[in-house]
Amino acid sequence: MTVRQIFEDAYFFAADPTVVAGFAHLDSPLRWVHASEQRDIAPLLRGGELVLMEAVNLAADTATDSDRTAYLRALHGAGVAALAIELTGRMPQVPLQMVECATELGLPLIALGRRIPFVQICESINTQLADSSLVRLRLADSMSIALSGTVRELTEIPAMLAVLSAQTHAEVVLMSLSGEEIGRAAGPGGPVLPLSFSAPVSFGGTVVAHLTLRPREEADIYLINAALERAPELLAIALLQLRPPSIDDRLIGQFFAMLNAGVPAEAAPERLPEIADRLGVPAAGAFVGIVADLSGDIQSLRAVRAALDGQAPGQLSHLVGTDFIVILWCADRLELEKLRSVVRAKLDDLVAGGLPAIVGIGPGGSGRANLVREVAAARGAVAAAESSAGGLVADARELALPRLVRILGGLQAQPALDAFVEEQLGALKALDPDLLATVAALIDNWGSKTAAARALGVQRQTLHHRITRIEGVVGPLSSLGASTAPLVAAALLDRVLQEN
């Protein structure tokens, strides 16, 4: 039941309810109805409650506006679904400050215009909630029994998924950690909703696969949650019986766990190279690492894997938590540049097509010993793009300077960086801020004065005048000039330091 649905209850409707704030949050799930005048009730709640009150204490002469808004903030912090206040002579209308605060918090606030005993409202709605929970529990038990029977009979995985799909009215997909589809069941029913719910399938603390359910229109979302709680354990047992992990599966898991943990080859002189050799990862050659932050959307794993499959002579991939990590390799750096360009284009197409994942591409490098740094750089690119609202391809090469600044900053070198920037640019900043913008425009446009003038929105004559002033401070600007390289480095560093 949602907050919106309580208006269909006869007793609650008889109380003449009017929503005065939080209209956009009426679809919040409701777990229980509780009546209380206690102002410090929030620590005793679990979340999802509808709280009923006459606001006796909030309407008292000693209560202030800050007391009333503090009460609302405490309820919101406890995860309360809604607050309903019975209007009386003490509080004939909900105070404006409470309406504004509830609106800000997104907390549904309801005014009850007619007196109805709260016990009747609580009993009526809570009975419905309890009956609904009992039905879902019975359905979940029935689903568990059906799945347990398939495990005992050593039914093939697709048949188990078909049972799960029929029980939940959802499309069910089971995928390995490398992105391979182990099984799928569509099941009958209406259209599949644009939602997906995933859970790891683990045994003995080790994740062996991922289960994803995409509900149909007639699906019960609570039953979907029950399935994600109960089905993974049974599927793990079936996988170990029917598809026990091979030696290579275990080695790949260990290999990526070490890469993910940032264990360089020199820190594991035997194990990491030994595992790499057994998996056929060459010591020489050129490598690029890719990290896709799926953020729970395991469906994206299949899309990323499909886009990368067959693009490189060598490839290994594995799901670590919510990160899908891919290692691609080829013969040398020249081939790697072509490969990297193709991969970037493929991933850009995925994002343009609606892929919600953030994908980081490492800078690429020679030698297996650089794989840990390669994966770390790709993950760093993902981290730098985490504020993105949708899908994005983040290239570590484009973030190389910010990454270097973060590394140096971690070594307490920030004062030295600031001092270097001030040494090179301080005079220009003091003379005219436009001169620093001119240096940045020249750098961005590879020294092209025409393009720089266009970017700055000035005439070429104005640009030449600014360059003359800049050279009067820092000396002649030329591609090989002794003053040019430090100036360019300082300008780029200054931009990064300002952004970070």
Protein backbone atom coordinates (compact mmCIF):
# COMPACT_ATOMS: atom_id res chain seq x y z
CA MET A 1 0.00 0.00 0.00
CA THR A 2 1.12 3.54 -0.75
CA VAL A 3 0.20 6.80 0.96
CA ARG A 4 -2.06 7.59 -2.00
CA GLN A 5 -4.01 4.36 -1.48
CA ILE A 6 -4.97 5.15 2.13
CA PHE A 7 -7.45 7.70 0.79
CA GLU A 8 -9.46 4.70 -0.47
CA ASP A 9 -9.90 3.45 3.10
CA ALA A 10 -13.46 4.18 4.31
CA TYR A 11 -12.47 5.37 7.79
CA PHE A 12 -9.61 7.55 6.61
CA PHE A 13 -11.76 9.04 3.84
CA ALA A 14 -14.47 9.80 6.43
CA ALA A 15 -11.96 12.03 8.25
CA ASP A 16 -12.14 14.45 5.28
CA PRO A 17 -8.38 14.33 4.43
CA THR A 18 -6.71 17.13 2.43
CA VAL A 19 -3.10 16.99 1.26
CA VAL A 20 -1.42 20.32 2.08
CA ALA A 21 2.23 19.42 1.29
CA GLY A 22 4.32 16.66 -0.30
CA PHE A 23 1.97 16.00 -3.24
CA ALA A 24 4.78 14.48 -5.32
CA HIS A 25 5.53 11.84 -2.68
CA LEU A 26 2.12 10.22 -2.26
CA ASP A 27 3.40 7.02 -3.90
CA SER A 28 5.78 6.37 -1.00
CA PRO A 29 5.23 2.86 0.43
CA LEU A 30 3.30 2.58 3.68
CA ARG A 31 4.32 0.00 6.29
CA TRP A 32 2.14 0.83 9.30
CA VAL A 33 -0.20 3.43 10.83
CA HIS A 34 0.60 4.82 14.27
CA ALA A 35 -1.15 7.45 16.43
CA SER A 36 0.93 9.53 18.84
CA GLU A 37 1.10 13.02 20.31
CA GLN A 38 4.68 12.42 21.51
CA ARG A 39 7.02 15.07 20.09
CA ASP A 40 10.12 12.87 20.39
CA ILE A 41 8.52 9.84 18.73
CA ALA A 42 10.97 9.70 15.77
CA PRO A 43 13.64 7.48 17.43
CA LEU A 44 10.95 4.86 18.15
CA LEU A 45 9.85 4.55 14.50
CA ARG A 46 11.24 2.20 11.84
CA GLY A 47 10.25 4.14 8.75
CA GLY A 48 7.29 3.86 6.37
CA GLU A 49 4.70 4.86 8.99
CA LEU A 50 1.69 7.15 8.67
CA VAL A 51 1.63 9.13 11.93
CA LEU A 52 -1.76 10.41 13.16
CA MET A 53 -1.98 13.24 15.69
CA GLU A 54 -4.14 16.10 17.01
CA ALA A 55 -0.97 18.17 17.46
CA VAL A 56 -1.84 18.92 21.08
CA ASN A 57 1.76 19.60 22.01
CA LEU A 58 2.61 21.37 18.75
CA ALA A 59 -0.36 23.73 19.20
CA ALA A 60 0.49 24.57 22.83
CA ASP A 61 1.44 28.15 23.70
CA THR A 62 4.94 27.00 24.60
CA ALA A 63 5.53 25.46 21.16
CA THR A 64 7.40 27.61 18.63
CA ASP A 65 7.66 27.48 14.85
CA SER A 66 11.15 25.99 15.21
CA ASP A 67 9.71 23.25 17.49
CA ARG A 68 7.15 22.34 14.84
CA THR A 69 9.63 22.28 11.96
CA ALA A 70 12.14 20.33 14.09
CA TYR A 71 9.40 17.74 14.69
CA LEU A 72 8.83 17.40 10.92
CA ARG A 73 12.55 17.09 10.22
CA ALA A 74 12.86 14.36 12.87
CA LEU A 75 9.96 12.41 11.28
CA HIS A 76 11.51 12.79 7.83
CA GLY A 77 14.87 11.62 9.16
CA ALA A 78 13.18 8.51 10.58
CA GLY A 79 11.74 7.70 7.14
CA VAL A 80 8.09 8.37 8.03
CA ALA A 81 5.81 8.03 4.99
CA ALA A 82 3.33 10.79 5.95
CA LEU A 83 1.93 12.87 8.80
CA ALA A 84 -1.82 13.48 9.25
CA ILE A 85 -2.98 16.21 11.63
CA GLU A 86 -6.56 16.41 12.87
CA LEU A 87 -7.69 20.04 12.77
CA THR A 88 -9.27 21.22 16.05
CA GLY A 89 -9.91 24.43 17.93
CA ARG A 90 -6.30 24.28 19.16
CA MET A 91 -5.00 24.10 15.58
CA PRO A 92 -7.77 25.10 13.14
CA GLN A 93 -5.34 24.93 10.20
CA VAL A 94 -1.87 23.60 9.57
CA PRO A 95 0.65 26.40 10.26
CA LEU A 96 2.28 27.86 7.16
CA GLN A 97 5.78 27.13 8.54
CA MET A 98 4.91 23.42 8.76
CA VAL A 99 3.51 23.41 5.21
CA GLU A 100 6.67 25.08 3.87
CA CYS A 101 8.96 22.74 5.82
CA ALA A 102 7.08 19.60 4.70
CA THR A 103 7.18 20.84 1.10
CA GLU A 104 10.94 21.36 1.37
CA LEU A 105 11.43 17.87 2.85
CA GLY A 106 9.08 16.13 0.43
CA LEU A 107 7.05 14.78 3.39
CA PRO A 108 3.33 14.28 2.68
CA LEU A 109 1.38 16.39 5.18
CA ILE A 110 -2.36 15.75 5.44
CA ALA A 111 -5.02 17.81 7.24
CA LEU A 112 -7.99 15.87 8.64
CA GLY A 113 -11.10 18.06 8.70
CA ARG A 114 -13.45 15.71 10.56
CA ARG A 115 -12.97 13.91 13.88
CA ILE A 116 -12.78 10.13 13.48
CA PRO A 117 -11.37 7.93 16.28
CA PHE A 118 -7.76 7.20 15.36
CA VAL A 119 -8.14 3.63 16.61
CA GLN A 120 -10.64 2.95 13.81
CA ILE A 121 -8.27 4.33 11.13
CA CYS A 122 -5.29 2.38 12.55
CA GLU A 123 -7.25 -0.86 12.82
CA SER A 124 -8.70 -0.58 9.31
CA ILE A 125 -5.50 0.27 7.43
CA ASN A 126 -3.17 -1.91 9.52
CA THR A 127 -5.46 -4.91 8.98
CA GLN A 128 -5.18 -4.38 5.22
CA LEU A 129 -1.41 -4.09 5.49
CA ALA A 130 -1.17 -7.25 7.62
CA ASP A 131 -3.41 -9.21 5.25
CA SER A 132 -1.33 -8.07 2.28
CA SER A 133 1.91 -9.04 4.05
CA LEU A 134 0.50 -12.47 4.88
CA VAL A 135 -0.50 -13.05 1.27
CA ARG A 136 2.97 -12.05 0.06
CA LEU A 137 4.60 -14.28 2.67
CA ARG A 138 2.52 -17.22 1.52
CA LEU A 139 3.39 -16.50 -2.11
CA ALA A 140 7.08 -16.24 -1.22
CA ASP A 141 6.91 -19.55 0.65
CA SER A 142 5.20 -21.13 -2.33
CA MET A 143 7.93 -19.82 -4.62
CA SER A 144 10.66 -21.15 -2.31
CA ILE A 145 9.01 -24.58 -2.21
CA ALA A 146 8.77 -24.67 -6.01
CA LEU A 147 12.41 -23.67 -6.44
CA SER A 148 13.55 -26.12 -3.74
CA GLY A 149 11.84 -28.91 -5.65
CA THR A 150 13.78 -28.06 -8.80
CA VAL A 151 17.05 -28.12 -6.82
CA ARG A 152 16.28 -31.57 -5.38
CA GLU A 153 15.45 -32.87 -8.85
CA LEU A 154 18.68 -31.40 -10.31
CA THR A 155 16.58 -29.50 -12.85
CA GLU A 156 18.55 -27.57 -15.45
CA ILE A 157 19.08 -23.88 -14.70
CA PRO A 158 16.72 -22.61 -17.48
CA ALA A 159 13.90 -24.69 -15.97
CA MET A 160 14.55 -23.18 -12.54
CA LEU A 161 14.46 -19.70 -14.02
CA ALA A 162 11.18 -20.55 -15.77
CA VAL A 163 9.65 -21.45 -12.38
CA LEU A 164 10.95 -18.20 -10.89
CA SER A 165 9.60 -16.20 -13.83
CA ALA A 166 6.15 -17.77 -13.54
CA GLN A 167 6.04 -17.16 -9.78
CA THR A 168 7.10 -13.50 -9.97
CA HIS A 169 5.59 -12.44 -13.33
CA ALA A 170 8.98 -11.12 -14.36
CA GLU A 171 11.61 -11.68 -17.01
CA VAL A 172 14.52 -13.46 -15.28
CA VAL A 173 18.17 -13.44 -16.36
CA LEU A 174 21.10 -15.21 -14.71
CA MET A 175 24.58 -14.04 -15.74
CA SER A 176 28.07 -15.20 -14.92
CA LEU A 177 30.68 -12.82 -13.57
CA SER A 178 32.26 -12.61 -17.02
CA GLY A 179 29.01 -11.33 -18.51
CA GLU A 180 27.98 -14.63 -20.09
CA GLU A 181 24.25 -15.34 -20.01
CA ILE A 182 23.75 -18.61 -18.11
CA GLY A 183 20.00 -18.69 -18.57
CA ARG A 184 16.92 -16.59 -19.26
CA ALA A 185 13.18 -17.02 -18.82
CA ALA A 186 10.67 -14.56 -20.24
CA GLY A 187 7.47 -16.13 -18.96
CA PRO A 188 3.94 -15.16 -20.01
CA GLY A 189 2.25 -11.88 -19.17
CA GLY A 190 2.01 -8.24 -20.11
CA PRO A 191 4.75 -5.86 -21.20
CA VAL A 192 8.02 -5.78 -19.28
CA LEU A 193 8.40 -2.56 -17.31
CA PRO A 194 11.53 -0.37 -17.76
CA LEU A 195 12.79 -1.47 -14.33
CA SER A 196 15.31 -4.06 -13.21
CA PHE A 197 16.18 -5.52 -9.82
CA SER A 198 19.38 -7.47 -9.27
CA ALA A 199 21.03 -9.51 -6.54
CA PRO A 200 24.32 -11.44 -6.34
CA VAL A 201 24.16 -15.23 -6.30
CA SER A 202 26.75 -16.32 -3.74
CA PHE A 203 27.84 -19.45 -1.97
CA GLY A 204 30.13 -19.53 1.03
CA GLY A 205 30.66 -15.79 0.75
CA THR A 206 31.83 -16.01 -2.88
CA VAL A 207 29.72 -14.43 -5.61
CA VAL A 208 29.28 -16.86 -8.51
CA ALA A 209 26.63 -15.12 -10.65
CA HIS A 210 24.10 -12.30 -10.77
CA LEU A 211 20.31 -12.62 -10.89
CA THR A 212 18.20 -9.89 -12.53
CA LEU A 213 14.41 -9.62 -12.57
CA ARG A 214 12.51 -7.25 -14.84
CA PRO A 215 8.89 -7.12 -13.66
CA ARG A 216 5.85 -7.16 -15.92
CA GLU A 217 2.86 -4.89 -15.41
CA GLU A 218 1.02 -7.43 -13.26
CA ALA A 219 4.03 -8.18 -11.00
CA ASP A 220 3.93 -7.60 -7.23
CA ILE A 221 6.99 -5.54 -6.35
CA TYR A 222 7.10 -7.01 -2.84
CA LEU A 223 7.14 -10.52 -4.30
CA ILE A 224 10.02 -9.43 -6.55
CA ASN A 225 11.92 -8.40 -3.41
CA ALA A 226 11.09 -11.72 -1.76
CA ALA A 227 12.45 -13.52 -4.82
CA LEU A 228 15.71 -11.59 -4.62
CA GLU A 229 16.03 -12.62 -0.98
CA ARG A 230 15.24 -16.32 -1.40
CA ALA A 231 16.12 -17.38 -4.94
CA PRO A 232 19.88 -16.55 -5.00
CA GLU A 233 20.76 -19.13 -2.32
CA LEU A 234 18.85 -21.89 -4.12
CA LEU A 235 20.33 -20.91 -7.47
CA ALA A 236 23.83 -20.95 -5.95
CA ILE A 237 23.29 -24.54 -4.80
CA ALA A 238 22.02 -25.51 -8.24
CA LEU A 239 24.96 -23.81 -9.97
CA LEU A 240 27.47 -25.66 -7.80
CA GLN A 241 25.72 -28.95 -8.56
CA LEU A 242 25.09 -28.42 -12.27
CA ARG A 243 27.86 -25.99 -13.27
CA PRO A 244 30.69 -26.19 -10.75
CA PRO A 245 33.28 -23.47 -11.37
CA SER A 246 36.23 -24.59 -13.49
CA ILE A 247 39.87 -24.00 -12.58
CA ASP A 248 39.96 -21.13 -15.07
CA ASP A 249 36.88 -19.56 -13.45
CA ARG A 250 38.64 -19.59 -10.09
CA LEU A 251 41.87 -18.24 -11.57
CA ILE A 252 40.03 -15.38 -13.32
CA GLY A 253 38.34 -14.50 -10.05
CA GLN A 254 41.68 -14.42 -8.22
CA PHE A 255 43.35 -12.47 -11.04
CA PHE A 256 40.75 -9.70 -11.06
CA ALA A 257 40.53 -9.61 -7.29
CA MET A 258 44.26 -8.84 -7.20
CA LEU A 259 43.94 -6.21 -9.94
CA ASN A 260 40.97 -4.66 -8.18
CA ALA A 261 42.83 -4.57 -4.88
CA GLY A 262 45.72 -2.75 -6.54
CA VAL A 263 48.29 -5.48 -6.00
CA PRO A 264 51.21 -4.81 -8.38
CA ALA A 265 53.29 -7.64 -9.75
CA GLU A 266 56.25 -6.67 -7.61
CA ALA A 267 54.10 -7.07 -4.47
CA ALA A 268 53.07 -10.57 -5.55
CA PRO A 269 56.20 -11.80 -7.36
CA GLU A 270 54.89 -15.33 -7.82
CA ARG A 271 51.13 -15.48 -7.68
CA LEU A 272 49.98 -12.74 -10.06
CA PRO A 273 52.38 -13.55 -12.94
CA GLU A 274 51.73 -17.26 -12.41
CA ILE A 275 47.96 -16.78 -12.70
CA ALA A 276 48.40 -14.50 -15.71
CA ASP A 277 50.55 -17.11 -17.45
CA ARG A 278 47.96 -19.84 -16.83
CA LEU A 279 45.22 -17.59 -18.23
CA GLY A 280 47.25 -16.81 -21.35
CA VAL A 281 47.84 -13.14 -20.56
CA PRO A 282 51.19 -12.31 -22.21
CA ALA A 283 53.96 -10.59 -20.29
CA ALA A 284 54.72 -8.37 -23.30
CA GLY A 285 52.28 -6.63 -25.60
CA ALA A 286 50.08 -3.58 -25.06
CA PHE A 287 47.08 -3.42 -22.72
CA VAL A 288 44.09 -1.21 -22.03
CA GLY A 289 41.80 -1.52 -19.02
CA ILE A 290 38.08 -0.68 -18.95
CA VAL A 291 35.93 -0.31 -15.83
CA ALA A 292 32.14 0.00 -16.16
CA ASP A 293 30.33 1.16 -13.02
CA LEU A 294 27.00 -0.63 -13.42
CA SER A 295 25.54 0.73 -10.15
CA GLY A 296 23.24 -2.25 -9.83
CA ASP A 297 22.08 -2.20 -13.46
CA ILE A 298 23.44 -5.61 -14.36
CA GLN A 299 21.62 -5.48 -17.70
CA SER A 300 24.26 -2.97 -18.82
CA LEU A 301 26.92 -5.66 -18.38
CA ARG A 302 25.59 -7.58 -21.38
CA ALA A 303 25.63 -4.46 -23.55
CA VAL A 304 29.21 -3.54 -22.61
CA ARG A 305 30.42 -7.11 -23.12
CA ALA A 306 28.68 -7.39 -26.51
CA ALA A 307 30.26 -4.12 -27.66
CA LEU A 308 33.79 -5.25 -26.69
CA ASP A 309 33.69 -8.92 -27.67
CA GLY A 310 35.93 -9.68 -30.64
CA GLN A 311 37.53 -6.24 -30.76
CA ALA A 312 40.97 -7.36 -29.50
CA PRO A 313 43.19 -10.42 -29.99
CA GLY A 314 43.09 -10.98 -26.22
CA GLN A 315 40.38 -10.27 -23.68
CA LEU A 316 39.47 -11.12 -20.08
CA SER A 317 36.51 -9.73 -18.13
CA HIS A 318 35.00 -10.16 -14.71
CA LEU A 319 32.37 -8.59 -12.47
CA VAL A 320 33.77 -7.35 -9.16
CA GLY A 321 30.99 -5.94 -6.98
CA THR A 322 29.16 -3.53 -9.26
CA ASP A 323 32.24 -2.90 -11.44
CA PHE A 324 32.59 -4.81 -14.72
CA ILE A 325 36.33 -4.88 -15.44
CA VAL A 326 37.68 -5.71 -18.90
CA ILE A 327 41.31 -6.18 -19.97
CA LEU A 328 42.06 -6.00 -23.71
CA TRP A 329 45.47 -6.63 -25.24
CA CYS A 330 47.21 -6.66 -28.60
CA ALA A 331 50.75 -6.92 -30.01
CA ASP A 332 52.14 -3.38 -29.64
CA ARG A 333 51.37 0.27 -28.95
CA LEU A 334 50.54 1.08 -32.59
CA GLU A 335 47.84 -1.59 -32.62
CA LEU A 336 46.69 -0.44 -29.20
CA GLU A 337 46.01 3.10 -30.45
CA LYS A 338 43.77 1.73 -33.19
CA LEU A 339 42.06 -0.62 -30.72
CA ARG A 340 41.53 2.16 -28.20
CA SER A 341 39.95 4.37 -30.86
CA VAL A 342 37.53 1.61 -31.92
CA VAL A 343 36.61 0.77 -28.32
CA ARG A 344 35.99 4.43 -27.47
CA ALA A 345 33.66 4.76 -30.47
CA LYS A 346 31.77 1.59 -29.52
CA LEU A 347 31.25 2.77 -25.95
CA ASP A 348 30.24 6.27 -27.08
CA ASP A 349 27.57 4.64 -29.29
CA LEU A 350 26.29 2.65 -26.28
CA VAL A 351 25.98 5.77 -24.15
CA ALA A 352 24.28 7.64 -26.99
CA GLY A 353 21.85 4.74 -27.18
CA GLY A 354 20.89 5.14 -23.51
CA LEU A 355 23.41 3.02 -21.60
CA PRO A 356 23.10 4.26 -17.98
CA ALA A 357 26.56 3.06 -16.88
CA ILE A 358 29.65 5.23 -16.40
CA VAL A 359 32.55 3.61 -18.27
CA GLY A 360 36.19 4.51 -17.66
CA ILE A 361 38.96 3.78 -20.18
CA GLY A 362 42.54 3.50 -18.98
CA PRO A 363 45.33 5.35 -20.80
CA GLY A 364 46.80 2.13 -22.25
CA GLY A 365 50.36 0.95 -21.85
CA SER A 366 52.96 -1.67 -22.62
CA GLY A 367 53.67 -4.70 -20.46
CA ARG A 368 51.57 -6.82 -18.14
CA ALA A 369 53.24 -5.27 -15.10
CA ASN A 370 51.26 -2.04 -15.74
CA LEU A 371 47.86 -3.71 -15.51
CA VAL A 372 47.22 -2.67 -11.90
CA ARG A 373 47.90 0.98 -12.74
CA GLU A 374 45.78 0.64 -15.90
CA VAL A 375 42.74 -0.60 -13.97
CA ALA A 376 43.29 2.01 -11.27
CA ALA A 377 43.40 4.79 -13.90
CA ALA A 378 40.18 3.55 -15.51
CA ARG A 379 38.48 3.44 -12.11
CA GLY A 380 39.80 6.93 -11.35
CA ALA A 381 38.17 8.17 -14.57
CA VAL A 382 34.88 6.65 -13.39
CA ALA A 383 35.23 8.32 -9.99
CA ALA A 384 35.87 11.69 -11.65
CA ALA A 385 32.59 11.31 -13.58
CA GLU A 386 30.43 10.04 -10.72
CA SER A 387 28.38 13.24 -10.60
CA SER A 388 27.04 12.50 -14.09
CA ALA A 389 23.27 11.98 -14.07
CA GLY A 390 23.34 9.40 -16.87
CA GLY A 391 25.72 7.28 -18.89
CA LEU A 392 29.16 8.61 -19.75
CA VAL A 393 32.47 7.48 -21.21
CA ALA A 394 35.35 8.88 -19.14
CA ASP A 395 38.80 8.73 -20.76
CA ALA A 396 41.75 8.57 -18.36
CA ARG A 397 43.97 10.32 -20.91
CA GLU A 398 41.75 13.37 -20.81
CA LEU A 399 42.03 13.34 -17.02
CA ALA A 400 45.78 12.70 -16.87
CA LEU A 401 46.73 16.08 -15.44
CA PRO A 402 44.04 16.11 -12.72
CA ARG A 403 45.12 12.57 -11.81
CA LEU A 404 48.74 13.69 -11.51
CA VAL A 405 47.71 16.64 -9.35
CA ARG A 406 45.73 14.33 -7.02
CA ILE A 407 48.72 12.00 -6.72
CA LEU A 408 51.10 14.86 -6.00
CA GLY A 409 48.61 16.44 -3.63
CA GLY A 410 48.51 13.15 -1.77
CA LEU A 411 52.25 13.55 -1.19
CA GLN A 412 51.73 16.94 0.49
CA ALA A 413 52.93 18.66 -2.67
CA GLN A 414 49.95 21.04 -2.93
CA PRO A 415 51.93 24.02 -1.55
CA ALA A 416 54.67 23.35 -4.11
CA LEU A 417 52.10 23.22 -6.94
CA ASP A 418 50.53 26.46 -5.79
CA ALA A 419 53.94 28.08 -5.52
CA PHE A 420 54.87 26.96 -9.07
CA VAL A 421 51.63 28.38 -10.50
CA GLU A 422 52.11 31.66 -8.64
CA GLU A 423 55.74 31.88 -9.79
CA GLN A 424 54.81 31.45 -13.45
CA LEU A 425 51.43 33.23 -13.60
CA GLY A 426 51.35 35.61 -10.65
CA ALA A 427 52.58 38.62 -12.63
CA LEU A 428 50.07 38.02 -15.44
CA LYS A 429 47.19 37.68 -12.97
CA ALA A 430 48.21 40.89 -11.24
CA LEU A 431 48.63 42.79 -14.50
CA ASP A 432 45.40 41.75 -16.23
CA PRO A 433 43.21 38.61 -15.78
CA ASP A 434 42.47 38.73 -19.54
CA LEU A 435 46.11 37.85 -20.21
CA LEU A 436 45.75 34.53 -18.38
CA ALA A 437 42.56 33.76 -20.37
CA THR A 438 44.55 34.52 -23.53
CA VAL A 439 47.27 32.03 -22.56
CA ALA A 440 44.57 29.38 -21.92
CA ALA A 441 42.94 30.06 -25.31
CA LEU A 442 46.27 29.72 -27.13
CA ILE A 443 46.92 26.40 -25.36
CA ASP A 444 43.42 25.08 -26.11
CA ASN A 445 43.85 25.94 -29.80
CA TRP A 446 47.41 24.64 -30.24
CA GLY A 447 48.85 28.13 -30.70
CA SER A 448 46.50 29.13 -33.52
CA LYS A 449 46.00 32.86 -33.16
CA THR A 450 42.94 32.88 -35.41
CA ALA A 451 41.22 30.13 -33.44
CA ALA A 452 42.25 31.67 -30.10
CA ALA A 453 40.86 35.09 -31.08
CA ARG A 454 37.60 33.43 -32.14
CA ALA A 455 37.39 31.54 -28.83
CA LEU A 456 38.01 34.75 -26.86
CA GLY A 457 35.60 36.78 -28.97
CA VAL A 458 38.21 39.43 -29.82
CA GLN A 459 39.83 40.79 -32.97
CA ARG A 460 43.23 39.45 -34.07
CA GLN A 461 44.74 42.90 -33.46
CA THR A 462 43.53 42.75 -29.84
CA LEU A 463 45.00 39.26 -29.49
CA HIS A 464 48.37 40.39 -30.85
CA HIS A 465 48.36 43.29 -28.41
CA ARG A 466 47.71 40.89 -25.50
CA ILE A 467 50.49 38.56 -26.67
CA THR A 468 52.90 41.51 -26.75
CA ARG A 469 51.95 42.34 -23.16
CA ILE A 470 52.36 38.68 -22.11
CA GLU A 471 55.82 38.48 -23.69
CA GLY A 472 56.76 41.68 -21.91
CA VAL A 473 56.23 39.79 -18.64
CA VAL A 474 57.35 36.21 -19.33
CA GLY A 475 59.63 36.59 -22.32
CA PRO A 476 59.26 35.45 -25.96
CA LEU A 477 56.64 32.77 -26.65
CA SER A 478 57.76 30.07 -29.06
CA SER A 479 57.32 26.32 -29.31
CA LEU A 480 60.91 25.79 -28.16
CA GLY A 481 61.32 28.80 -25.90
CA ALA A 482 62.67 28.19 -22.42
CA SER A 483 59.82 30.20 -20.86
CA THR A 484 56.99 28.65 -22.87
CA ALA A 485 56.95 25.11 -21.45
CA PRO A 486 56.76 26.19 -17.77
CA LEU A 487 54.08 28.77 -18.67
CA VAL A 488 51.94 26.14 -20.43
CA ALA A 489 52.38 23.68 -17.55
CA ALA A 490 51.45 26.36 -15.00
CA ALA A 491 48.37 27.42 -16.96
CA LEU A 492 47.14 23.83 -17.18
CA LEU A 493 47.89 23.21 -13.51
CA ASP A 494 46.08 26.39 -12.54
CA ARG A 495 42.97 25.23 -14.39
CA VAL A 496 43.03 21.84 -12.66
CA LEU A 497 43.63 23.37 -9.23
CA GLN A 498 40.71 25.77 -9.76
CA GLU A 499 38.40 22.92 -10.80
CA ASN A 500 39.44 20.73 -7.88
